Protein backbone atom coordinates (compact mmCIF):
# COMPACT_ATOMS: atom_id res chain seq x y z
CA MET A 1 146.65 64.01 34.03
CA ASN A 2 143.82 65.76 35.89
CA GLN A 3 145.46 67.80 38.65
CA ARG A 4 142.22 68.89 40.31
CA PRO A 5 141.93 65.87 42.68
CA ALA A 6 145.56 66.37 43.77
CA LEU A 7 145.07 70.06 44.48
CA LEU A 8 141.80 69.36 46.25
CA SER A 9 143.52 66.73 48.43
CA LEU A 10 146.07 69.34 49.53
CA VAL A 11 143.38 71.90 50.33
CA LEU A 12 141.23 69.41 52.23
CA GLY A 13 144.20 68.22 54.31
CA ALA A 14 145.18 71.76 55.28
CA VAL A 15 141.64 72.86 56.14
CA ALA A 16 140.98 69.65 58.10
CA ALA A 17 143.67 70.75 60.59
CA THR A 18 141.35 73.54 61.81
CA GLY A 19 139.35 70.99 63.80
CA PHE A 20 142.15 70.68 66.37
CA ALA A 21 143.00 73.19 69.09
CA PRO A 22 143.17 76.13 69.15
CA LEU A 23 140.47 76.58 66.47
CA GLN A 24 138.40 73.42 67.22
CA LEU A 25 136.28 73.73 64.07
CA TRP A 26 135.46 70.03 64.22
CA PRO A 27 132.49 70.09 61.79
CA ILE A 28 134.86 71.44 59.13
CA THR A 29 137.28 68.58 59.80
CA LEU A 30 134.46 66.05 59.37
CA ALA A 31 133.43 67.69 56.11
CA CYS A 32 137.02 67.67 54.82
CA PHE A 33 137.50 64.00 55.67
CA ALA A 34 134.18 63.19 53.99
CA ALA A 35 135.27 64.89 50.77
CA TRP A 36 138.69 63.22 50.93
CA LEU A 37 137.10 59.77 51.33
CA TRP A 38 135.09 60.49 48.21
CA LEU A 39 138.29 61.42 46.34
CA VAL A 40 140.03 58.21 47.42
CA HIS A 41 136.99 56.11 46.56
CA ASP A 42 136.87 57.56 43.03
CA ALA A 43 140.62 57.27 42.38
CA PRO A 44 141.11 55.45 39.06
CA THR A 45 144.17 53.49 40.24
CA LEU A 46 145.89 52.44 43.44
CA ARG A 47 148.71 54.84 42.62
CA ALA A 48 146.25 57.73 42.38
CA ALA A 49 144.67 56.76 45.71
CA LEU A 50 148.08 56.67 47.41
CA TRP A 51 148.99 60.04 45.91
CA ARG A 52 145.75 61.62 47.16
CA GLY A 53 146.38 60.18 50.60
CA TRP A 54 149.94 61.50 50.78
CA LEU A 55 149.00 65.00 49.57
CA PHE A 56 146.17 65.17 52.11
CA GLY A 57 148.58 64.12 54.85
CA ILE A 58 151.46 66.47 54.04
CA ALA A 59 149.16 69.52 54.09
CA HIS A 60 147.33 68.28 57.19
CA PHE A 61 150.45 67.66 59.26
CA THR A 62 152.28 70.77 58.06
CA ILE A 63 149.48 72.95 59.44
CA GLY A 64 149.00 70.92 62.61
CA ASN A 65 152.74 70.89 63.44
CA ASN A 66 153.57 74.48 62.46
CA TRP A 67 154.67 75.18 66.04
CA ILE A 68 157.78 73.00 65.63
CA ALA A 69 159.41 75.74 63.56
CA ARG A 70 159.81 77.85 66.70
CA ALA A 71 162.19 75.30 68.23
CA PHE A 72 164.76 76.21 65.59
CA THR A 73 164.89 79.77 66.96
CA LEU A 74 165.95 78.65 70.45
CA GLN A 75 169.44 77.29 69.73
CA ASP A 76 172.44 78.18 67.60
CA ALA A 77 173.47 74.75 66.33
CA MET A 78 171.07 74.82 63.36
CA PRO A 79 169.79 77.89 61.47
CA ALA A 80 166.37 79.34 62.33
CA TRP A 81 165.38 79.45 58.66
CA LEU A 82 165.37 75.65 58.63
CA GLY A 83 162.30 75.59 60.90
CA TYR A 84 159.50 75.60 58.35
CA PRO A 85 161.27 73.33 55.84
CA ALA A 86 161.82 70.91 58.74
CA VAL A 87 158.09 70.97 59.54
CA THR A 88 157.30 70.11 55.92
CA ILE A 89 159.90 67.33 55.86
CA LEU A 90 158.37 65.84 59.02
CA ALA A 91 154.91 66.18 57.48
CA GLY A 92 156.18 64.37 54.39
CA TYR A 93 157.06 61.41 56.58
CA LEU A 94 153.83 61.54 58.63
CA ALA A 95 151.82 61.70 55.41
CA ILE A 96 152.89 58.13 54.70
CA TYR A 97 150.24 56.96 57.17
CA PRO A 98 147.20 58.62 55.52
CA MET A 99 148.70 57.40 52.25
CA LEU A 100 148.71 53.83 53.58
CA ALA A 101 145.15 54.27 54.86
CA ALA A 102 144.05 55.50 51.43
CA GLY A 103 145.78 52.58 49.75
CA LEU A 104 144.17 50.06 52.08
CA MET A 105 140.65 51.41 51.71
CA TRP A 106 141.01 51.60 47.91
CA ARG A 107 142.60 48.16 47.55
CA LEU A 108 140.12 46.41 49.86
CA ALA A 109 136.89 48.23 49.04
CA SER A 110 137.21 50.32 45.88
CA PRO A 111 134.47 49.63 43.32
CA ARG A 112 137.19 49.37 40.65
CA VAL A 113 138.80 46.52 42.55
CA ILE A 114 135.54 44.66 43.07
CA GLY A 115 134.58 45.12 39.42
CA ASP A 116 132.01 47.92 39.29
CA SER A 117 133.50 51.38 38.76
CA THR A 118 130.05 53.00 38.81
CA THR A 119 129.24 52.04 42.41
CA PRO A 120 129.02 55.08 44.71
CA VAL A 121 130.53 55.21 48.18
CA GLY A 122 128.86 52.58 50.35
CA GLY A 123 128.85 51.40 53.92
CA SER A 124 131.43 48.71 53.18
CA PHE A 125 133.96 51.26 51.91
CA VAL A 126 133.33 53.56 54.88
CA LEU A 127 133.90 50.77 57.40
CA VAL A 128 137.11 49.67 55.69
CA ALA A 129 138.25 53.30 55.74
CA GLY A 130 137.63 53.47 59.50
CA ALA A 131 139.58 50.26 60.12
CA ALA A 132 142.42 51.44 57.88
CA TRP A 133 142.65 54.72 59.79
CA ILE A 134 142.80 52.88 63.13
CA ALA A 135 145.66 50.69 61.90
CA THR A 136 147.68 53.50 60.35
CA GLU A 137 147.19 55.98 63.20
CA TRP A 138 148.37 53.28 65.61
CA LEU A 139 151.40 52.75 63.37
CA ARG A 140 152.09 56.50 63.39
CA GLY A 141 152.17 56.34 67.18
CA THR A 142 154.51 53.35 67.18
CA MET A 143 156.99 53.37 64.30
CA LEU A 144 160.42 55.03 64.79
CA THR A 145 159.53 55.66 68.47
CA GLY A 146 156.14 57.06 67.42
CA TYR A 147 154.62 60.48 66.94
CA PRO A 148 150.81 60.36 67.48
CA TRP A 149 150.40 64.15 67.70
CA ASN A 150 146.84 65.34 66.99
CA PRO A 151 145.06 61.99 66.68
CA LEU A 152 141.85 62.50 64.76
CA GLY A 153 139.65 61.51 67.72
CA VAL A 154 140.79 64.53 69.75
CA ILE A 155 138.52 66.80 67.67
CA TRP A 156 135.58 65.52 69.76
CA LEU A 157 136.61 67.24 73.00
CA PRO A 158 134.00 70.00 72.49
CA VAL A 159 131.39 67.19 72.17
CA PRO A 160 131.59 65.37 75.53
CA GLY A 161 129.41 62.42 74.55
CA MET A 162 131.56 61.50 71.57
CA ALA A 163 134.77 62.06 73.54
CA TRP A 164 133.36 59.74 76.24
CA LEU A 165 133.68 56.85 73.76
CA ALA A 166 137.43 56.96 74.50
CA THR A 167 136.68 55.40 77.90
CA LEU A 168 135.49 52.30 76.03
CA VAL A 169 137.65 52.06 72.92
CA GLY A 170 140.55 54.50 73.37
CA THR A 171 141.96 57.17 71.10
CA TYR A 172 142.88 55.18 67.98
CA ALA A 173 139.51 53.47 67.72
CA LEU A 174 137.78 56.80 68.37
CA SER A 175 139.70 58.18 65.40
CA GLY A 176 138.48 55.29 63.26
CA LEU A 177 134.89 55.91 64.36
CA THR A 178 135.40 59.57 63.41
CA VAL A 179 136.27 58.46 59.87
CA VAL A 180 133.09 56.36 59.84
CA VAL A 181 131.02 59.41 60.85
CA ALA A 182 132.69 61.43 58.07
CA GLY A 183 131.93 58.60 55.63
CA ALA A 184 128.28 58.63 56.73
CA LEU A 185 128.16 62.25 55.63
CA VAL A 186 129.22 61.12 52.14
CA LEU A 187 126.41 58.57 52.09
CA LEU A 188 123.98 61.18 53.33
CA ALA A 189 124.97 63.46 50.47
CA SER A 190 124.28 60.65 47.98
CA ARG A 191 120.96 59.80 49.73
CA ARG A 192 122.05 56.35 50.83
CA TRP A 193 120.20 56.35 54.13
CA ARG A 194 120.45 52.73 55.25
CA PHE A 195 123.99 53.10 56.59
CA ALA A 196 124.17 56.87 57.11
CA ALA A 197 121.03 57.24 59.20
CA PRO A 198 121.97 54.92 62.11
CA VAL A 199 125.58 56.16 62.21
CA LEU A 200 124.65 59.84 62.27
CA ALA A 201 121.72 59.25 64.63
CA GLY A 202 124.03 57.40 67.02
CA ALA A 203 126.58 60.22 66.90
CA ALA A 204 123.86 62.80 67.53
CA LEU A 205 122.46 60.78 70.43
CA LEU A 206 125.89 60.44 72.00
CA SER A 207 126.51 64.16 71.57
CA VAL A 208 123.38 64.94 73.57
CA ALA A 209 123.90 62.12 76.07
CA GLY A 210 127.36 63.46 76.88
CA LEU A 211 125.79 65.95 79.22
CA VAL A 212 124.44 62.99 81.23
CA VAL A 213 127.27 60.48 80.78
CA ARG A 214 129.91 62.56 82.50
CA SER A 215 130.04 62.46 86.27
CA PRO A 216 128.82 65.53 88.19
CA GLN A 217 131.54 67.71 89.64
CA LEU A 218 131.74 66.87 93.33
CA THR A 219 132.68 69.24 96.13
CA PRO A 220 135.64 67.56 97.86
CA ASP A 221 136.35 67.71 101.57
CA PRO A 222 138.12 71.06 102.22
CA ASN A 223 140.69 69.21 104.35
CA ALA A 224 141.44 66.66 101.61
CA PRO A 225 144.90 66.71 100.02
CA ARG A 226 145.34 69.57 97.60
CA ILE A 227 147.31 70.12 94.44
CA ARG A 228 149.08 73.42 93.74
CA VAL A 229 150.33 74.05 90.20
CA ILE A 230 153.00 76.71 89.64
CA GLN A 231 153.78 78.45 86.36
CA PRO A 232 156.81 80.80 86.61
CA ASN A 233 156.52 82.20 83.05
CA LEU A 234 160.22 82.08 82.26
CA ASP A 235 160.65 81.33 78.57
CA GLN A 236 162.98 78.68 77.16
CA GLU A 237 164.87 81.51 75.44
CA GLU A 238 166.07 82.69 78.85
CA ARG A 239 167.85 79.42 79.68
CA PRO A 240 171.23 80.36 78.22
CA ARG A 241 171.46 83.18 80.79
CA ASP A 242 173.89 82.48 83.63
CA ASP A 243 171.31 83.59 86.19
CA TYR A 244 168.50 81.39 84.81
CA PRO A 245 168.69 78.70 87.55
CA GLU A 246 168.37 81.31 90.32
CA ALA A 247 165.80 83.43 88.46
CA ASN A 248 163.58 80.43 87.79
CA LEU A 249 163.73 79.13 91.36
CA ALA A 250 163.02 82.61 92.73
CA ALA A 251 160.03 82.98 90.37
CA ILE A 252 158.65 79.66 91.58
CA GLU A 253 159.23 80.47 95.26
CA ARG A 254 156.97 83.52 94.93
CA HIS A 255 154.06 81.21 94.14
CA ILE A 256 154.55 78.36 96.62
CA GLY A 257 151.92 79.89 98.90
CA THR A 258 151.20 79.45 102.58
CA PRO A 259 150.88 76.00 104.16
CA GLY A 260 147.51 75.08 105.65
CA LEU A 261 145.95 72.15 107.44
CA ALA A 262 145.48 70.11 104.27
CA PRO A 263 148.53 68.39 102.76
CA ARG A 264 149.67 70.05 99.53
CA LEU A 265 151.41 68.50 96.56
CA ILE A 266 153.15 71.45 94.92
CA VAL A 267 154.11 70.74 91.32
CA TRP A 268 156.67 72.58 89.18
CA PRO A 269 157.28 72.37 85.42
CA GLU A 270 159.59 70.12 83.47
CA GLY A 271 163.21 71.16 83.99
CA ALA A 272 162.18 73.80 86.55
CA LEU A 273 164.98 72.98 88.99
CA ARG A 274 168.30 73.77 87.34
CA PHE A 275 170.34 72.98 90.49
CA PHE A 276 171.49 69.39 91.04
CA VAL A 277 169.93 67.91 94.17
CA GLU A 278 171.44 64.42 94.33
CA GLN A 279 174.50 63.60 96.41
CA GLY A 280 177.61 61.87 95.15
CA TYR A 281 178.50 63.95 92.08
CA PRO A 282 182.09 65.15 91.53
CA ILE A 283 182.42 68.49 93.30
CA GLN A 284 182.83 70.53 90.11
CA TYR A 285 179.22 69.75 89.10
CA TYR A 286 177.84 71.60 92.12
CA TRP A 287 178.94 75.03 90.93
CA LYS A 288 175.29 76.09 90.88
CA GLY A 289 174.84 75.23 94.56
CA ARG A 290 175.26 72.35 96.98
CA PRO A 291 172.31 69.92 96.96
CA GLU A 292 171.68 70.13 100.71
CA VAL A 293 171.45 73.93 100.48
CA THR A 294 169.00 73.80 97.58
CA LEU A 295 166.87 71.14 99.29
CA ALA A 296 166.79 73.12 102.55
CA ARG A 297 165.79 76.26 100.66
CA ILE A 298 162.85 74.47 99.03
CA ALA A 299 161.82 72.77 102.29
CA SER A 300 161.76 76.11 104.11
CA HIS A 301 158.61 77.05 102.16
CA LEU A 302 156.74 73.83 102.96
CA GLY A 303 154.36 72.83 105.70
CA PRO A 304 154.99 69.52 107.52
CA ASN A 305 152.61 67.64 105.18
CA ASP A 306 153.66 69.31 101.92
CA ILE A 307 155.67 67.71 99.11
CA VAL A 308 157.18 69.28 95.99
CA LEU A 309 157.33 67.49 92.65
CA THR A 310 159.75 69.26 90.35
CA GLY A 311 161.27 68.61 86.98
CA GLY A 312 165.06 68.51 86.86
CA ASN A 313 168.03 66.53 85.59
CA SER A 314 170.14 63.72 86.94
CA LEU A 315 173.65 62.86 85.79
CA GLN A 316 175.44 59.50 85.53
CA PHE A 317 179.22 59.23 85.61
CA GLY A 318 181.90 56.87 84.34
CA SER A 319 184.66 55.28 86.39
CA THR A 320 186.95 58.27 85.89
CA GLY A 321 184.35 60.85 86.90
CA GLU A 322 183.28 61.93 83.41
CA VAL A 323 179.58 62.44 82.61
CA THR A 324 178.33 59.52 80.53
CA THR A 325 174.63 60.34 80.27
CA GLY A 326 171.79 62.13 81.99
CA THR A 327 168.06 61.81 82.57
CA ASN A 328 165.06 64.09 82.25
CA SER A 329 163.55 63.53 85.66
CA VAL A 330 160.99 64.46 88.30
CA PHE A 331 162.14 64.67 91.93
CA ALA A 332 159.96 64.44 95.04
CA ILE A 333 161.14 66.68 97.91
CA ASP A 334 159.54 66.79 101.37
CA SER A 335 159.52 69.35 104.19
CA ASN A 336 162.51 67.64 105.82
CA ALA A 337 164.68 68.48 102.79
CA GLN A 338 164.78 64.82 101.78
CA LEU A 339 164.52 63.33 98.32
CA LEU A 340 161.62 60.84 98.37
CA GLY A 341 162.14 59.47 94.90
CA ARG A 342 162.89 60.14 91.25
CA TYR A 343 161.08 59.34 88.01
CA ASP A 344 163.08 59.26 84.76
CA LYS A 345 161.38 60.01 81.47
CA GLY A 346 161.08 56.85 79.39
CA HIS A 347 159.85 58.08 76.01
CA LEU A 348 162.53 60.51 74.91
CA VAL A 349 162.16 63.04 72.09
CA PRO A 350 164.45 62.41 69.10
CA TRP A 351 166.36 65.57 68.15
CA GLY A 352 165.34 67.09 71.48
CA GLU A 353 166.67 64.78 74.20
CA TYR A 354 168.97 62.69 72.04
CA LEU A 355 170.39 62.86 68.54
CA PRO A 356 169.44 59.79 66.49
CA ALA A 357 172.40 58.11 64.77
CA ARG A 358 174.70 60.65 66.39
CA PRO A 359 177.95 59.74 64.54
CA ILE A 360 176.28 60.20 61.15
CA MET A 361 174.29 63.29 62.11
CA SER A 362 177.33 64.96 63.64
CA VAL A 363 179.29 64.48 60.45
CA LEU A 364 176.42 66.12 58.54
CA GLY A 365 176.57 69.10 60.91
CA LEU A 366 173.18 68.38 62.49
CA ALA A 367 172.54 68.76 66.21
CA ARG A 368 169.83 68.52 68.84
CA LEU A 369 167.29 71.33 69.01
CA VAL A 370 167.91 71.58 72.75
CA PRO A 371 171.23 73.25 73.65
CA GLY A 372 173.90 70.77 74.79
CA ASP A 373 175.64 67.68 73.46
CA LEU A 374 174.68 65.17 76.16
CA ASP A 375 172.14 62.55 75.10
CA PHE A 376 169.66 61.54 77.77
CA LYS A 377 169.12 57.97 78.90
CA PRO A 378 165.52 56.66 78.88
CA GLY A 379 163.83 55.52 82.06
CA PRO A 380 161.87 52.28 82.47
CA GLY A 381 158.54 53.61 81.13
CA ALA A 382 155.13 54.30 82.63
CA SER A 383 155.40 54.31 86.41
CA GLY A 384 155.12 56.75 89.29
CA LEU A 385 156.16 57.84 92.76
CA LYS A 386 154.54 56.59 95.96
CA LEU A 387 154.22 59.59 98.24
CA PRO A 388 153.05 59.80 101.88
CA ARG A 389 149.49 61.21 102.14
CA PHE A 390 149.07 61.26 98.35
CA GLY A 391 149.43 57.61 97.38
CA LEU A 392 150.81 56.50 94.03
CA VAL A 393 151.26 59.47 91.68
CA GLY A 394 151.74 58.55 88.04
CA VAL A 395 154.31 60.65 86.18
CA GLN A 396 154.52 61.35 82.44
CA ILE A 397 156.98 64.03 81.37
CA CYS A 398 156.05 66.30 78.47
CA TYR A 399 155.01 64.48 75.32
CA GLU A 400 154.92 61.07 77.04
CA ILE A 401 151.28 61.97 77.72
CA ILE A 402 150.34 61.81 74.00
CA PHE A 403 150.90 58.04 73.69
CA SER A 404 147.55 56.35 74.11
CA GLY A 405 147.77 53.10 76.06
CA GLN A 406 151.32 53.77 77.26
CA THR A 407 150.82 56.30 80.05
CA VAL A 408 149.79 54.07 82.97
CA ASP A 409 151.30 50.99 84.60
CA ARG A 410 148.14 48.86 84.56
CA ALA A 411 149.40 46.67 87.41
CA HIS A 412 149.85 49.74 89.63
CA ARG A 413 147.08 52.21 88.80
CA PRO A 414 147.87 55.68 90.20
CA ALA A 415 145.49 58.13 91.87
CA PHE A 416 146.27 60.70 89.18
CA ILE A 417 148.97 61.59 86.65
CA PHE A 418 151.43 64.48 86.95
CA ASN A 419 152.46 65.73 83.51
CA PRO A 420 155.16 68.41 83.73
CA SER A 421 156.09 69.90 80.38
CA ASN A 422 158.09 72.69 78.79
CA ASP A 423 155.66 74.03 76.21
CA SER A 424 157.60 77.24 75.71
CA TRP A 425 159.08 75.41 72.70
CA TYR A 426 155.69 75.08 71.09
CA GLY A 427 154.68 78.49 69.76
CA ARG A 428 150.97 79.38 69.94
CA TRP A 429 149.32 76.22 68.67
CA GLY A 430 151.48 73.59 70.35
CA PRO A 431 150.57 74.22 74.02
CA VAL A 432 146.81 74.08 73.46
CA GLU A 433 147.14 71.01 71.21
CA HIS A 434 149.21 69.37 73.97
CA LEU A 435 146.59 70.25 76.58
CA ALA A 436 143.85 68.74 74.40
CA MET A 437 145.71 65.43 74.13
CA ALA A 438 146.22 65.36 77.90
CA ARG A 439 142.47 65.86 78.35
CA LEU A 440 141.73 62.95 76.03
CA ARG A 441 144.18 60.81 77.98
CA ALA A 442 142.31 61.68 81.22
CA ILE A 443 139.04 60.57 79.63
CA GLU A 444 140.25 57.24 78.29
CA GLU A 445 142.10 56.29 81.50
CA GLY A 446 139.54 57.76 83.92
CA LEU A 447 142.32 59.59 85.77
CA PRO A 448 142.88 63.25 86.66
CA ILE A 449 145.90 64.82 84.98
CA ILE A 450 147.88 67.71 86.43
CA ARG A 451 149.95 69.79 84.01
CA SER A 452 152.61 72.32 84.99
CA THR A 453 154.53 74.21 82.31
CA PRO A 454 156.91 77.20 82.43
CA THR A 455 154.86 79.50 80.19
CA GLY A 456 151.47 77.79 79.88
CA VAL A 457 149.05 76.27 79.54
CA SER A 458 149.17 74.76 83.05
CA ALA A 459 145.98 73.03 84.16
CA ILE A 460 144.18 70.74 86.58
CA ILE A 461 142.10 68.24 84.57
CA ASP A 462 139.53 65.93 86.14
CA ALA A 463 138.91 62.30 85.19
CA ASP A 464 136.25 63.37 82.65
CA GLY A 465 138.68 65.62 80.80
CA ARG A 466 137.24 68.86 82.20
CA VAL A 467 139.68 71.67 82.94
CA LEU A 468 138.92 72.64 86.55
CA GLY A 469 141.52 75.40 86.65
CA SER A 470 144.24 76.72 84.37
CA ILE A 471 146.88 79.43 83.99
CA PRO A 472 146.83 80.97 80.50
CA ALA A 473 149.91 81.22 78.34
CA ASP A 474 152.50 83.91 79.05
CA ARG A 475 151.42 84.56 82.64
CA ASP A 476 152.97 83.62 85.94
CA GLY A 477 150.84 82.35 88.77
CA ALA A 478 149.50 79.34 90.62
CA ILE A 479 146.26 77.41 90.95
CA GLU A 480 145.34 75.29 93.96
CA LEU A 481 142.43 72.87 94.24
CA PRO A 482 141.57 69.66 96.07
CA ILE A 483 143.00 66.74 94.11
CA PRO A 484 140.26 65.50 91.72
CA LEU A 485 139.04 61.96 92.26
CA ALA A 486 139.82 59.12 89.87
CA HIS A 487 137.13 56.94 88.31
CA PRO A 488 137.19 53.17 88.49
CA ALA A 489 139.35 51.76 85.72
CA THR A 490 137.63 52.27 82.36
CA LEU A 491 137.25 49.47 79.83
CA PHE A 492 140.14 50.98 77.88
CA ALA A 493 142.23 51.28 81.06
CA ARG A 494 141.82 47.52 81.54
CA LEU A 495 142.35 46.36 77.95
CA GLY A 496 144.43 49.13 76.38
CA ASN A 497 144.92 49.21 72.63
CA LEU A 498 143.52 45.71 72.30
CA MET A 499 140.28 47.68 71.98
CA ALA A 500 141.58 49.41 68.85
CA ALA A 501 142.30 46.00 67.29
CA LEU A 502 138.86 44.69 68.26
CA VAL A 503 137.02 47.71 66.88
CA GLY A 504 139.05 47.62 63.66
CA ALA A 505 138.37 43.89 63.23
CA ALA A 506 134.65 44.42 63.88
CA MET A 507 134.57 47.12 61.19
CA LEU A 508 136.18 44.79 58.66
CA LEU A 509 133.80 41.93 59.48
CA LEU A 510 130.79 44.22 59.17
CA ALA A 511 132.15 45.55 55.86
CA VAL A 512 132.38 41.98 54.53
CA ALA A 513 128.84 41.25 55.72
CA ILE A 514 127.48 44.36 53.98
CA ARG A 515 129.25 43.45 50.74
CA GLN A 516 128.00 39.86 50.84
CA ARG A 517 124.45 41.01 51.45
CA ALA A 518 124.67 43.44 48.53
CA ARG A 519 125.69 40.56 46.26
């Protein structure tokens, strides 16, 4: 058996990962996908096409998710050496989706299936490939709670006009259109202009038009409500210390700043507040400090119109006073030392916030990557907190923000989204990849997104996905700006991932039309 296509699939998948943050070499990603499409098209059998798809995927996702290995160094329940094998095992699962895409495009549009093995790559095959990628990337974001990290469409962030398409069709359809652009490069190489020319001309036109499409940056009223983002720069590794709760709160207090005339919404990272602030717990759970004392301490730094949004935890108890579960939450605290509300994270991280199939995994000696044995309880899903002077603030904790079409309650559209996260888990690549996905979410929803993390990258992102201010990784500090304005609801914000289905269906219909015309 010729091993060259298999080896080439591995190399192309690995190199294609350089198009994502932090490298953002998106032309290389397009070229790699173009070459891979050619390999799948020329596969002699369905089995060979599936194999080339899986090999491409396992290399692609191993490189793109390399940061996960660092999580194994932050707890003692599982050995640190397991980190990189675990990344490869995860990639082996994620590679099923490019494998399925390869199988679909080969089975539906391969020249060997339609009876002419000499036919080069054509527009019909390219369109089927785009539709297949839409379907399988959506599945990757849905199956087994979903993991849509690094969707292909996010490579367009350095090209504003192409990224703007997300306002119309969303992330998954943008990924499918990216595959179509890569396929047009294949046709260009084989001098088949009829399909390639309009696709590439349209992409080039959008790339230039992006400078016009995006809204100009407005100068807000200096007395308008402001957002202040705090990054304490205390690493996850420091959490086991007994003095971590006090050290983290003290680090944040140094950056709360001075109240002014304008109301301020002061946002802290995920899990920033390690003291319990809700009343009614059994007394032994307040060993880190009484809630009224902690609330008064926070309120002492606030002006009369200021509010703090902080990540923290809530506990639930059984009838005999034992802890039954907990939540990963965001609390709103005002200048009167009152809790104004709580948001509970709905999309929990398997192995991080709960252990899947706990009885079986415990017997096997496996544990969560986050220290502790308590599994969190999921909240109700996309929602927010209605705050005086700030309106409805959407909340998405950590990787909730990566799920296209699931970040906003469409019946109650917020003014902006607060996305606290703890990216200290994520090594060097993870935080900037996470920031990129948050920017794409801002574009497709037409909403500003505010990110606060312990160690970076914290950022204020406007509704066009532009980073208006940020705090780099491994630095403490704060940024304060007027709250960016939201756009009217985009087409995607109104229809959600129905747009992905419509674009995929349109691609398939056009592919059929092209094939019928060729006959």
